[in-house]
N, C-alpha and C. Protein backbone atom coordinates (compact mmCIF):
# COMPACT_ATOMS: atom_id res chain seq x y z
N MET A 1 88.59 92.26 83.50
CA MET A 1 89.09 92.19 84.85
C MET A 1 90.59 91.87 84.80
N ALA A 2 91.40 92.65 85.51
CA ALA A 2 92.85 92.46 85.51
C ALA A 2 93.23 91.21 86.30
N GLN A 3 94.19 90.47 85.76
CA GLN A 3 94.67 89.27 86.42
C GLN A 3 95.68 89.65 87.51
N GLN A 4 95.56 89.03 88.69
CA GLN A 4 96.48 89.29 89.78
C GLN A 4 97.79 88.54 89.56
N PRO A 5 98.93 89.13 90.01
CA PRO A 5 100.20 88.41 89.88
C PRO A 5 100.18 87.19 90.79
N PRO A 6 100.95 86.14 90.45
CA PRO A 6 100.95 84.92 91.26
C PRO A 6 101.53 85.13 92.65
N GLU A 7 102.41 86.11 92.82
CA GLU A 7 103.03 86.35 94.12
C GLU A 7 103.49 87.80 94.17
N ILE A 8 103.31 88.45 95.31
CA ILE A 8 103.78 89.81 95.51
C ILE A 8 104.86 89.78 96.58
N ILE A 9 106.03 90.34 96.26
CA ILE A 9 107.17 90.32 97.16
C ILE A 9 107.57 91.76 97.47
N ASP A 10 107.57 92.12 98.76
CA ASP A 10 108.02 93.44 99.18
C ASP A 10 109.54 93.43 99.28
N VAL A 11 110.18 94.44 98.71
CA VAL A 11 111.64 94.51 98.70
C VAL A 11 112.11 95.88 99.20
N ASP A 12 113.39 95.94 99.61
CA ASP A 12 113.98 97.16 100.15
C ASP A 12 114.77 97.96 99.12
N THR A 13 114.97 97.41 97.94
CA THR A 13 115.78 98.06 96.92
C THR A 13 115.07 98.00 95.56
N PRO A 14 115.21 99.03 94.72
CA PRO A 14 114.53 99.03 93.43
C PRO A 14 115.17 98.11 92.38
N LYS A 15 116.33 97.55 92.71
CA LYS A 15 116.97 96.59 91.80
C LYS A 15 116.88 95.21 92.44
N VAL A 16 116.27 94.26 91.73
CA VAL A 16 116.04 92.92 92.27
C VAL A 16 116.43 91.86 91.24
N ALA A 17 116.58 90.63 91.72
CA ALA A 17 116.84 89.49 90.84
C ALA A 17 115.75 88.46 91.09
N CYS A 18 115.32 87.76 90.05
CA CYS A 18 114.30 86.73 90.18
C CYS A 18 114.76 85.49 89.42
N ASP A 19 114.59 84.33 90.07
CA ASP A 19 114.90 83.05 89.41
C ASP A 19 113.71 82.10 89.47
N GLY A 20 112.55 82.62 89.81
CA GLY A 20 111.34 81.80 89.89
C GLY A 20 111.15 81.16 91.24
N GLY A 21 112.21 81.09 92.04
CA GLY A 21 112.11 80.59 93.40
C GLY A 21 111.83 79.11 93.55
N LYS A 22 112.00 78.33 92.51
CA LYS A 22 111.67 76.91 92.60
C LYS A 22 112.89 76.04 92.34
N GLY A 23 114.07 76.53 92.71
CA GLY A 23 115.29 75.76 92.49
C GLY A 23 115.47 75.41 91.03
N PRO A 24 115.73 74.13 90.72
CA PRO A 24 115.94 73.75 89.32
C PRO A 24 114.67 73.85 88.47
N LEU A 25 113.52 74.01 89.10
CA LEU A 25 112.27 74.15 88.35
C LEU A 25 111.91 75.60 88.09
N GLY A 26 112.77 76.52 88.51
CA GLY A 26 112.52 77.95 88.30
C GLY A 26 112.81 78.35 86.86
N HIS A 27 113.36 79.53 86.70
CA HIS A 27 113.71 80.04 85.36
C HIS A 27 115.08 80.69 85.45
N PRO A 28 115.68 81.07 84.31
CA PRO A 28 116.98 81.75 84.37
C PRO A 28 116.88 83.02 85.22
N ARG A 29 117.93 83.31 85.97
CA ARG A 29 117.93 84.50 86.83
C ARG A 29 117.92 85.74 85.95
N VAL A 30 117.00 86.64 86.25
CA VAL A 30 116.93 87.93 85.55
C VAL A 30 117.05 89.04 86.59
N PHE A 31 117.68 90.12 86.19
CA PHE A 31 117.84 91.28 87.05
C PHE A 31 116.87 92.34 86.56
N LEU A 32 116.10 92.90 87.49
CA LEU A 32 115.04 93.84 87.16
C LEU A 32 115.28 95.17 87.88
N ASN A 33 114.98 96.27 87.22
CA ASN A 33 115.15 97.60 87.79
C ASN A 33 113.82 98.32 87.68
N MET A 34 113.28 98.76 88.81
CA MET A 34 111.97 99.42 88.83
C MET A 34 112.00 100.80 88.18
N GLU A 35 113.17 101.40 88.06
CA GLU A 35 113.35 102.70 87.39
C GLU A 35 112.34 103.75 87.86
N GLY A 36 112.16 103.86 89.18
CA GLY A 36 111.29 104.88 89.74
C GLY A 36 109.81 104.55 89.72
N LYS A 37 109.42 103.37 89.27
CA LYS A 37 108.00 103.01 89.18
C LYS A 37 107.44 102.46 90.48
N GLY A 38 108.32 101.97 91.38
CA GLY A 38 107.84 101.44 92.66
C GLY A 38 107.45 99.98 92.62
N GLN A 39 107.36 99.40 91.43
CA GLN A 39 107.07 97.98 91.31
C GLN A 39 107.45 97.49 89.92
N ILE A 40 107.66 96.18 89.83
CA ILE A 40 107.99 95.57 88.53
C ILE A 40 107.57 94.11 88.57
N ASP A 41 107.11 93.60 87.43
CA ASP A 41 106.72 92.20 87.30
C ASP A 41 107.80 91.43 86.55
N CYS A 42 108.10 90.22 87.01
CA CYS A 42 109.06 89.37 86.32
C CYS A 42 108.45 88.92 84.99
N PRO A 43 109.19 89.06 83.89
CA PRO A 43 108.65 88.65 82.59
C PRO A 43 108.52 87.14 82.44
N TYR A 44 109.21 86.36 83.26
CA TYR A 44 109.13 84.90 83.17
C TYR A 44 107.96 84.33 83.99
N CYS A 45 107.95 84.64 85.29
CA CYS A 45 106.98 83.98 86.17
C CYS A 45 105.85 84.89 86.65
N GLY A 46 105.96 86.20 86.41
CA GLY A 46 104.90 87.11 86.78
C GLY A 46 104.95 87.60 88.21
N ARG A 47 105.94 87.15 89.00
CA ARG A 47 106.05 87.66 90.37
C ARG A 47 106.13 89.18 90.32
N ARG A 48 105.46 89.82 91.27
CA ARG A 48 105.49 91.28 91.34
C ARG A 48 106.36 91.69 92.53
N PHE A 49 107.37 92.50 92.25
CA PHE A 49 108.24 93.03 93.27
C PHE A 49 107.80 94.46 93.54
N VAL A 50 107.52 94.76 94.81
CA VAL A 50 107.02 96.08 95.21
C VAL A 50 108.00 96.69 96.20
N LEU A 51 108.42 97.92 95.94
CA LEU A 51 109.34 98.62 96.82
C LEU A 51 108.60 99.00 98.10
N LYS A 52 109.15 98.61 99.26
CA LYS A 52 108.52 98.93 100.54
C LYS A 52 108.45 100.43 100.72
N GLN A 53 107.39 100.88 101.36
CA GLN A 53 107.24 102.30 101.61
C GLN A 53 108.35 102.76 102.54
N GLY A 54 108.99 103.86 102.21
CA GLY A 54 110.09 104.39 102.98
C GLY A 54 111.44 103.87 102.56
N ALA A 55 111.49 102.87 101.66
CA ALA A 55 112.77 102.36 101.17
C ALA A 55 113.40 103.41 100.26
N ALA A 56 114.71 103.51 100.32
CA ALA A 56 115.43 104.52 99.54
C ALA A 56 115.49 104.10 98.08
N ALA A 57 115.01 104.95 97.21
CA ALA A 57 115.14 104.72 95.77
C ALA A 57 116.54 105.16 95.35
N GLU A 58 117.16 104.39 94.47
CA GLU A 58 118.51 104.72 94.03
C GLU A 58 118.49 105.71 92.88
């Protein structure tokens, strides 16, 4: 059975940044590029960023 991501965040752009969202308890900021996949998971915290339907892919 596949494990669900801890949080799913809908975004308007395929390039996103993640810092864990917990201030000083988060993780180093990483920049992620979906590269046409429509979604990407943060390698540190597992948050899943999903491109909103109708958002312009770069």
